[in-house]
Amino acid sequence: MSKCKRKKRRIWSRKRRLLPAGADKLQISADGAMVPLLHGVWAEVRTLVIGEVQAPVFEWGNGWFTRVM
């Protein structure tokens, strides 16, 4: 391994120790839909949600929705 690569590896290992710990579990959800634009043109829209998995909370009224108007 070259001297330059060893130095980069040492620097990266020091930086990695300073990073905060991430979540234990992550949930990823993706969705897509076609939406009308102007003059009869359609486009695809995509939604990506990334969240941390936590203990379930049973409440009414929290959430999201999509609708066509």
C-alpha atoms as a PDB file:
ATOM      1  CA  MET A   1       0.000   0.000   0.000  1.00  0.00           C
ATOM      2  CA  SER A   2       1.370   3.430  -0.884  1.00  0.00           C
ATOM      3  CA  LYS A   3       2.259   6.036   1.696  1.00  0.00           C
ATOM      4  CA  CYS A   4      -0.549   8.298   0.439  1.00  0.00           C
ATOM      5  CA  LYS A   5      -3.179   5.568   0.831  1.00  0.00           C
ATOM      6  CA  ARG A   6      -2.001   4.762   4.370  1.00  0.00           C
ATOM      7  CA  LYS A   7      -2.244   8.434   5.328  1.00  0.00           C
ATOM      8  CA  LYS A   8      -5.765   8.725   3.871  1.00  0.00           C
ATOM      9  CA  ARG A   9      -6.812   5.581   5.729  1.00  0.00           C
ATOM     10  CA  ARG A  10      -5.507   6.975   9.051  1.00  0.00           C
ATOM     11  CA  ILE A  11      -7.314  10.287   8.496  1.00  0.00           C
ATOM     12  CA  TRP A  12     -10.576   8.513   7.590  1.00  0.00           C
ATOM     13  CA  SER A  13     -10.394   6.227  10.627  1.00  0.00           C
ATOM     14  CA  ARG A  14      -9.957   9.268  12.906  1.00  0.00           C
ATOM     15  CA  LYS A  15     -12.915  11.074  11.298  1.00  0.00           C
ATOM     16  CA  ARG A  16     -15.092   7.967  11.521  1.00  0.00           C
ATOM     17  CA  ARG A  17     -14.573   7.763  15.285  1.00  0.00           C
ATOM     18  CA  LEU A  18     -15.916  11.326  15.615  1.00  0.00           C
ATOM     19  CA  LEU A  19     -19.166  10.639  13.763  1.00  0.00           C
ATOM     20  CA  PRO A  20     -22.304  10.245  15.926  1.00  0.00           C
ATOM     21  CA  ALA A  21     -23.868   6.803  16.129  1.00  0.00           C
ATOM     22  CA  GLY A  22     -26.766   6.256  13.737  1.00  0.00           C
ATOM     23  CA  ALA A  23     -30.164   4.694  14.347  1.00  0.00           C
ATOM     24  CA  ASP A  24     -30.421   0.996  15.212  1.00  0.00           C
ATOM     25  CA  LYS A  25     -33.056   0.401  12.520  1.00  0.00           C
ATOM     26  CA  LEU A  26     -34.175   2.475   9.535  1.00  0.00           C
ATOM     27  CA  GLN A  27     -37.283   2.060   7.385  1.00  0.00           C
ATOM     28  CA  ILE A  28     -37.292   3.133   3.733  1.00  0.00           C
ATOM     29  CA  SER A  29     -40.475   3.591   1.731  1.00  0.00           C
ATOM     30  CA  ALA A  30     -40.742   4.691  -1.913  1.00  0.00           C
ATOM     31  CA  ASP A  31     -43.729   5.462  -4.106  1.00  0.00           C
ATOM     32  CA  GLY A  32     -44.413   7.032  -7.472  1.00  0.00           C
ATOM     33  CA  ALA A  33     -47.318   8.508  -9.401  1.00  0.00           C
ATOM     34  CA  MET A  34     -48.088  10.277 -12.673  1.00  0.00           C
ATOM     35  CA  VAL A  35     -49.358  13.839 -12.313  1.00  0.00           C
ATOM     36  CA  PRO A  36     -50.817  16.158 -14.964  1.00  0.00           C
ATOM     37  CA  LEU A  37     -48.885  19.310 -15.816  1.00  0.00           C
ATOM     38  CA  LEU A  38     -49.866  22.076 -18.216  1.00  0.00           C
ATOM     39  CA  HIS A  39     -51.004  21.513 -21.826  1.00  0.00           C
ATOM     40  CA  GLY A  40     -51.730  17.787 -21.463  1.00  0.00           C
ATOM     41  CA  VAL A  41     -48.205  16.913 -20.358  1.00  0.00           C
ATOM     42  CA  TRP A  42     -47.762  14.277 -17.655  1.00  0.00           C
ATOM     43  CA  ALA A  43     -44.772  13.755 -15.367  1.00  0.00           C
ATOM     44  CA  GLU A  44     -43.744  11.113 -12.889  1.00  0.00           C
ATOM     45  CA  VAL A  45     -43.256  12.183  -9.278  1.00  0.00           C
ATOM     46  CA  ARG A  46     -41.476  10.071  -6.721  1.00  0.00           C
ATOM     47  CA  THR A  47     -41.632  10.134  -2.949  1.00  0.00           C
ATOM     48  CA  LEU A  48     -38.935   8.683  -0.721  1.00  0.00           C
ATOM     49  CA  VAL A  49     -39.311   8.523   3.049  1.00  0.00           C
ATOM     50  CA  ILE A  50     -36.507   7.455   5.370  1.00  0.00           C
ATOM     51  CA  GLY A  51     -37.245   7.165   9.068  1.00  0.00           C
ATOM     52  CA  GLU A  52     -36.016   5.650  12.291  1.00  0.00           C
ATOM     53  CA  VAL A  53     -37.972   2.660  13.592  1.00  0.00           C
ATOM     54  CA  GLN A  54     -39.256   3.268  17.113  1.00  0.00           C
ATOM     55  CA  ALA A  55     -41.757   1.675  19.468  1.00  0.00           C
ATOM     56  CA  PRO A  56     -45.344   1.910  18.120  1.00  0.00           C
ATOM     57  CA  VAL A  57     -47.461   4.870  19.217  1.00  0.00           C
ATOM     58  CA  PHE A  58     -51.212   4.384  19.036  1.00  0.00           C
ATOM     59  CA  GLU A  59     -52.638   7.846  18.335  1.00  0.00           C
ATOM     60  CA  TRP A  60     -55.341   8.951  15.951  1.00  0.00           C
ATOM     61  CA  GLY A  61     -54.738  11.831  13.577  1.00  0.00           C
ATOM     62  CA  ASN A  62     -51.031  11.500  12.826  1.00  0.00           C
ATOM     63  CA  GLY A  63     -50.082  10.484   9.293  1.00  0.00           C
ATOM     64  CA  TRP A  64     -50.083  11.648   5.698  1.00  0.00           C
ATOM     65  CA  PHE A  65     -52.177  11.254   2.584  1.00  0.00           C
ATOM     66  CA  THR A  66     -52.150  12.024  -1.139  1.00  0.00           C
ATOM     67  CA  ARG A  67     -55.104  13.055  -3.254  1.00  0.00           C
ATOM     68  CA  VAL A  68     -55.888  14.171  -6.779  1.00  0.00           C
ATOM     69  CA  MET A  69     -57.629  17.520  -7.061  1.00  0.00           C
END
